[in-house]
Amino acid sequence: MDDKKKKIVLYFFYLLVILLVLSSAVLILPVYRKYQKRYEYLAKLKEEAALKTAESIELNRVVHSLKYSSGTVEKIAREKFGLCNPGETVMRYKAEKKTEESKKDNEPR
């Protein structure tokens, strides 16, 4: 009988350990999922911050160039606004629109 009681206590102990492991898994799993979501969100924010930092550096470079480089200001005045120095002539070229027939004529045979 003593041997039978030991087996019962041992099975009870195994059952208790299994229940403890399962209950801890049930309690930890939702917290771990929340942690993963926040970690992914943090990675996304870090990537976005790196992009914004790069954009900020590029914009600061452009602003510095506009403030201190007369060549840059002249280039923008010529390209965007079509301005020129006195005595210069501005020439504009229009791009040729290709039709279906002109595309077929230009194809190699």
N, C-alpha and C. Protein backbone atom coordinates (compact mmCIF):
# COMPACT_ATOMS: atom_id res chain seq x y z
N MET A 1 0.81 -1.19 0.00
CA MET A 1 0.00 0.00 0.00
C MET A 1 0.86 1.26 0.00
N ASP A 2 1.94 1.16 0.65
CA ASP A 2 2.84 2.30 0.73
C ASP A 2 3.38 2.66 -0.67
N ASP A 3 3.63 1.66 -1.48
CA ASP A 3 4.12 1.86 -2.83
C ASP A 3 3.04 2.53 -3.69
N LYS A 4 1.80 2.17 -3.45
CA LYS A 4 0.68 2.74 -4.19
C LYS A 4 0.51 4.23 -3.84
N LYS A 5 0.70 4.60 -2.60
CA LYS A 5 0.60 6.00 -2.18
C LYS A 5 1.73 6.83 -2.80
N LYS A 6 2.90 6.24 -2.89
CA LYS A 6 4.02 6.96 -3.51
C LYS A 6 3.74 7.26 -4.98
N LYS A 7 3.14 6.28 -5.66
CA LYS A 7 2.81 6.51 -7.07
C LYS A 7 1.75 7.61 -7.22
N ILE A 8 0.78 7.60 -6.34
CA ILE A 8 -0.27 8.63 -6.39
C ILE A 8 0.33 10.00 -6.12
N VAL A 9 1.19 10.10 -5.15
CA VAL A 9 1.83 11.38 -4.84
C VAL A 9 2.71 11.82 -6.00
N LEU A 10 3.42 10.87 -6.60
CA LEU A 10 4.28 11.19 -7.75
C LEU A 10 3.44 11.67 -8.93
N TYR A 11 2.34 11.00 -9.24
CA TYR A 11 1.45 11.43 -10.32
C TYR A 11 0.84 12.80 -10.02
N PHE A 12 0.47 12.99 -8.78
CA PHE A 12 -0.06 14.30 -8.38
C PHE A 12 1.00 15.39 -8.57
N PHE A 13 2.24 15.08 -8.22
CA PHE A 13 3.33 16.05 -8.40
C PHE A 13 3.54 16.36 -9.88
N TYR A 14 3.54 15.32 -10.74
CA TYR A 14 3.68 15.53 -12.18
C TYR A 14 2.52 16.37 -12.73
N LEU A 15 1.33 16.09 -12.29
CA LEU A 15 0.16 16.85 -12.71
C LEU A 15 0.28 18.31 -12.29
N LEU A 16 0.76 18.52 -11.07
CA LEU A 16 0.95 19.88 -10.58
C LEU A 16 1.99 20.63 -11.40
N VAL A 17 3.08 19.98 -11.74
CA VAL A 17 4.13 20.61 -12.56
C VAL A 17 3.60 20.93 -13.95
N ILE A 18 2.87 20.00 -14.55
CA ILE A 18 2.30 20.24 -15.88
C ILE A 18 1.31 21.40 -15.84
N LEU A 19 0.47 21.44 -14.84
CA LEU A 19 -0.48 22.56 -14.71
C LEU A 19 0.24 23.88 -14.49
N LEU A 20 1.31 23.86 -13.73
CA LEU A 20 2.09 25.07 -13.50
C LEU A 20 2.72 25.56 -14.80
N VAL A 21 3.28 24.67 -15.59
CA VAL A 21 3.90 25.04 -16.87
C VAL A 21 2.84 25.58 -17.83
N LEU A 22 1.72 24.91 -17.92
CA LEU A 22 0.65 25.36 -18.82
C LEU A 22 0.09 26.71 -18.39
N SER A 23 -0.14 26.91 -17.12
CA SER A 23 -0.69 28.18 -16.66
C SER A 23 0.31 29.32 -16.87
N SER A 24 1.59 29.05 -16.68
CA SER A 24 2.58 30.10 -16.92
C SER A 24 2.66 30.43 -18.41
N ALA A 25 2.53 29.41 -19.26
CA ALA A 25 2.52 29.67 -20.71
C ALA A 25 1.30 30.50 -21.11
N VAL A 26 0.16 30.19 -20.53
CA VAL A 26 -1.07 30.95 -20.84
C VAL A 26 -0.93 32.39 -20.37
N LEU A 27 -0.29 32.61 -19.26
CA LEU A 27 -0.13 33.97 -18.74
C LEU A 27 0.96 34.75 -19.48
N ILE A 28 1.99 34.09 -19.92
CA ILE A 28 3.12 34.79 -20.55
C ILE A 28 2.88 35.06 -22.03
N LEU A 29 2.17 34.20 -22.72
CA LEU A 29 1.97 34.33 -24.16
C LEU A 29 1.36 35.67 -24.58
N PRO A 30 0.28 36.15 -23.97
CA PRO A 30 -0.26 37.46 -24.38
C PRO A 30 0.73 38.62 -24.14
N VAL A 31 1.47 38.54 -23.07
CA VAL A 31 2.45 39.59 -22.78
C VAL A 31 3.56 39.55 -23.82
N TYR A 32 3.97 38.36 -24.21
CA TYR A 32 5.02 38.23 -25.22
C TYR A 32 4.54 38.74 -26.57
N ARG A 33 3.30 38.49 -26.93
CA ARG A 33 2.75 39.02 -28.19
C ARG A 33 2.72 40.55 -28.16
N LYS A 34 2.33 41.11 -27.04
CA LYS A 34 2.31 42.56 -26.90
C LYS A 34 3.72 43.12 -27.03
N TYR A 35 4.69 42.43 -26.44
CA TYR A 35 6.09 42.84 -26.54
C TYR A 35 6.54 42.81 -27.99
N GLN A 36 6.19 41.77 -28.74
CA GLN A 36 6.58 41.68 -30.14
C GLN A 36 5.99 42.81 -30.96
N LYS A 37 4.72 43.13 -30.73
CA LYS A 37 4.08 44.22 -31.47
C LYS A 37 4.76 45.55 -31.17
N ARG A 38 5.07 45.78 -29.92
CA ARG A 38 5.75 47.03 -29.57
C ARG A 38 7.16 47.08 -30.13
N TYR A 39 7.84 45.96 -30.18
CA TYR A 39 9.18 45.91 -30.75
C TYR A 39 9.14 46.21 -32.24
N GLU A 40 8.16 45.65 -32.95
CA GLU A 40 7.99 45.95 -34.37
C GLU A 40 7.65 47.42 -34.59
N TYR A 41 6.79 47.96 -33.74
CA TYR A 41 6.43 49.37 -33.84
C TYR A 41 7.65 50.26 -33.60
N LEU A 42 8.48 49.88 -32.63
CA LEU A 42 9.70 50.63 -32.34
C LEU A 42 10.66 50.58 -33.52
N ALA A 43 10.80 49.42 -34.14
CA ALA A 43 11.67 49.30 -35.31
C ALA A 43 11.16 50.17 -36.45
N LYS A 44 9.84 50.20 -36.62
CA LYS A 44 9.25 51.05 -37.66
C LYS A 44 9.52 52.52 -37.37
N LEU A 45 9.38 52.93 -36.11
CA LEU A 45 9.64 54.32 -35.74
C LEU A 45 11.12 54.68 -35.93
N LYS A 46 12.01 53.75 -35.61
CA LYS A 46 13.44 54.01 -35.81
C LYS A 46 13.76 54.19 -37.28
N GLU A 47 13.15 53.36 -38.13
CA GLU A 47 13.36 53.48 -39.57
C GLU A 47 12.83 54.82 -40.08
N GLU A 48 11.66 55.19 -39.61
CA GLU A 48 11.07 56.47 -40.01
C GLU A 48 11.93 57.64 -39.53
N ALA A 49 12.46 57.54 -38.32
CA ALA A 49 13.32 58.59 -37.79
C ALA A 49 14.61 58.71 -38.61
N ALA A 50 15.15 57.58 -39.05
CA ALA A 50 16.35 57.62 -39.88
C ALA A 50 16.05 58.29 -41.22
N LEU A 51 14.90 58.00 -41.80
CA LEU A 51 14.52 58.65 -43.07
C LEU A 51 14.33 60.15 -42.88
N LYS A 52 13.67 60.52 -41.80
CA LYS A 52 13.45 61.95 -41.53
C LYS A 52 14.77 62.67 -41.27
N THR A 53 15.69 62.00 -40.58
CA THR A 53 17.00 62.60 -40.32
C THR A 53 17.74 62.82 -41.63
N ALA A 54 17.71 61.83 -42.52
CA ALA A 54 18.37 61.98 -43.82
C ALA A 54 17.73 63.11 -44.62
N GLU A 55 16.41 63.18 -44.58
CA GLU A 55 15.72 64.26 -45.29
C GLU A 55 16.09 65.62 -44.70
N SER A 56 16.17 65.70 -43.39
CA SER A 56 16.54 66.95 -42.74
C SER A 56 17.95 67.38 -43.11
N ILE A 57 18.86 66.42 -43.15
CA ILE A 57 20.25 66.75 -43.53
C ILE A 57 20.29 67.28 -44.96
N GLU A 58 19.55 66.63 -45.86
CA GLU A 58 19.53 67.07 -47.26
C GLU A 58 18.92 68.48 -47.38
N LEU A 59 17.83 68.72 -46.65
CA LEU A 59 17.20 70.05 -46.70
C LEU A 59 18.11 71.12 -46.11
N ASN A 60 18.81 70.80 -45.04
CA ASN A 60 19.76 71.76 -44.46
C ASN A 60 20.89 72.06 -45.44
N ARG A 61 21.32 71.04 -46.19
CA ARG A 61 22.37 71.26 -47.19
C ARG A 61 21.87 72.19 -48.30
N VAL A 62 20.63 72.00 -48.72
CA VAL A 62 20.05 72.84 -49.76
C VAL A 62 19.89 74.27 -49.26
N VAL A 63 19.42 74.44 -48.03
CA VAL A 63 19.24 75.78 -47.46
C VAL A 63 20.59 76.48 -47.35
N HIS A 64 21.59 75.75 -46.88
CA HIS A 64 22.94 76.34 -46.77
C HIS A 64 23.45 76.75 -48.15
N SER A 65 23.21 75.90 -49.13
CA SER A 65 23.65 76.20 -50.49
C SER A 65 22.94 77.44 -51.03
N LEU A 66 21.65 77.56 -50.74
CA LEU A 66 20.91 78.73 -51.21
C LEU A 66 21.36 80.01 -50.50
N LYS A 67 21.72 79.90 -49.23
CA LYS A 67 22.14 81.09 -48.48
C LYS A 67 23.50 81.59 -48.92
N TYR A 68 24.43 80.68 -49.16
CA TYR A 68 25.82 81.08 -49.33
C TYR A 68 26.39 80.87 -50.72
N SER A 69 25.63 80.34 -51.66
CA SER A 69 26.15 80.09 -53.00
C SER A 69 25.31 80.85 -54.03
N SER A 70 25.92 81.83 -54.66
CA SER A 70 25.17 82.60 -55.66
C SER A 70 24.92 81.75 -56.91
N GLY A 71 25.78 80.79 -57.17
CA GLY A 71 25.59 79.91 -58.32
C GLY A 71 24.34 79.07 -58.20
N THR A 72 24.04 78.62 -57.00
CA THR A 72 22.83 77.83 -56.77
C THR A 72 21.58 78.67 -56.98
N VAL A 73 21.61 79.87 -56.47
CA VAL A 73 20.46 80.77 -56.64
C VAL A 73 20.26 81.07 -58.12
N GLU A 74 21.34 81.31 -58.83
CA GLU A 74 21.25 81.59 -60.27
C GLU A 74 20.71 80.38 -61.03
N LYS A 75 21.15 79.21 -60.68
CA LYS A 75 20.69 77.98 -61.33
C LYS A 75 19.19 77.80 -61.14
N ILE A 76 18.70 78.01 -59.93
CA ILE A 76 17.27 77.86 -59.66
C ILE A 76 16.47 78.94 -60.39
N ALA A 77 16.99 80.16 -60.42
CA ALA A 77 16.29 81.25 -61.13
C ALA A 77 16.18 80.92 -62.61
N ARG A 78 17.23 80.33 -63.17
CA ARG A 78 17.19 79.98 -64.59
C ARG A 78 16.24 78.81 -64.85
N GLU A 79 16.34 77.76 -64.05
CA GLU A 79 15.57 76.56 -64.31
C GLU A 79 14.09 76.71 -63.98
N LYS A 80 13.78 77.23 -62.83
CA LYS A 80 12.38 77.28 -62.40
C LYS A 80 11.62 78.49 -62.96
N PHE A 81 12.30 79.62 -63.00
CA PHE A 81 11.59 80.85 -63.37
C PHE A 81 11.93 81.37 -64.76
N GLY A 82 12.87 80.75 -65.45
CA GLY A 82 13.21 81.16 -66.80
C GLY A 82 13.89 82.51 -66.87
N LEU A 83 14.53 82.93 -65.82
CA LEU A 83 15.22 84.22 -65.82
C LEU A 83 16.59 84.09 -66.48
N CYS A 84 17.11 85.21 -66.93
CA CYS A 84 18.43 85.20 -67.55
C CYS A 84 19.11 86.54 -67.27
N ASN A 85 20.41 86.57 -67.50
CA ASN A 85 21.18 87.81 -67.34
C ASN A 85 20.91 88.73 -68.52
N PRO A 86 21.15 90.03 -68.36
CA PRO A 86 20.95 90.95 -69.48
C PRO A 86 21.83 90.55 -70.67
N GLY A 87 21.23 90.56 -71.86
CA GLY A 87 21.96 90.22 -73.07
C GLY A 87 21.91 88.74 -73.41
N GLU A 88 21.38 87.92 -72.55
CA GLU A 88 21.28 86.49 -72.84
C GLU A 88 19.92 86.18 -73.45
N THR A 89 19.86 85.12 -74.23
CA THR A 89 18.61 84.69 -74.84
C THR A 89 18.27 83.31 -74.27
N VAL A 90 17.02 83.14 -73.88
CA VAL A 90 16.57 81.86 -73.34
C VAL A 90 15.98 81.05 -74.47
N MET A 91 16.48 79.84 -74.66
CA MET A 91 15.95 78.94 -75.70
C MET A 91 15.29 77.76 -75.01
N ARG A 92 14.08 77.46 -75.43
CA ARG A 92 13.35 76.34 -74.86
C ARG A 92 13.05 75.33 -75.97
N TYR A 93 13.21 74.09 -75.64
CA TYR A 93 12.94 73.02 -76.58
C TYR A 93 11.76 72.22 -76.07
N LYS A 94 10.84 71.96 -76.96
CA LYS A 94 9.68 71.15 -76.58
C LYS A 94 9.98 69.71 -76.96
N ALA A 95 9.63 68.81 -76.08
CA ALA A 95 9.83 67.39 -76.35
C ALA A 95 8.81 66.93 -77.37
N GLU A 96 9.27 66.11 -78.32
CA GLU A 96 8.40 65.61 -79.37
C GLU A 96 7.53 64.48 -78.80
N LYS A 97 6.25 64.60 -78.99
CA LYS A 97 5.34 63.55 -78.54
C LYS A 97 5.29 62.47 -79.60
N LYS A 98 5.55 61.25 -79.19
CA LYS A 98 5.56 60.14 -80.13
C LYS A 98 4.16 59.55 -80.25
N THR A 99 3.75 59.35 -81.48
CA THR A 99 2.48 58.70 -81.73
C THR A 99 2.75 57.25 -82.05
N GLU A 100 1.72 56.48 -82.22
CA GLU A 100 1.86 55.05 -82.52
C GLU A 100 2.58 54.85 -83.85
N GLU A 101 2.28 55.69 -84.83
CA GLU A 101 2.90 55.54 -86.15
C GLU A 101 4.39 55.85 -86.09
N SER A 102 4.77 56.90 -85.36
CA SER A 102 6.19 57.25 -85.30
C SER A 102 6.97 56.21 -84.50
N LYS A 103 6.32 55.56 -83.55
CA LYS A 103 6.98 54.49 -82.81
C LYS A 103 7.23 53.29 -83.72
N LYS A 104 6.24 52.98 -84.56
CA LYS A 104 6.40 51.85 -85.49
C LYS A 104 7.46 52.14 -86.53
N ASP A 105 7.55 53.39 -86.98
CA ASP A 105 8.55 53.76 -87.98
C ASP A 105 9.96 53.68 -87.43
N ASN A 106 10.13 53.95 -86.13
CA ASN A 106 11.46 53.96 -85.53
C ASN A 106 11.92 52.59 -85.08
N GLU A 107 11.05 51.58 -85.10
CA GLU A 107 11.42 50.24 -84.64
C GLU A 107 12.35 49.58 -85.64
N PRO A 108 13.38 48.88 -85.16
CA PRO A 108 14.28 48.16 -86.10
C PRO A 108 13.54 46.96 -86.70
N ARG A 109 13.91 46.67 -87.94
CA ARG A 109 13.24 45.56 -88.63
C ARG A 109 14.16 44.42 -88.83
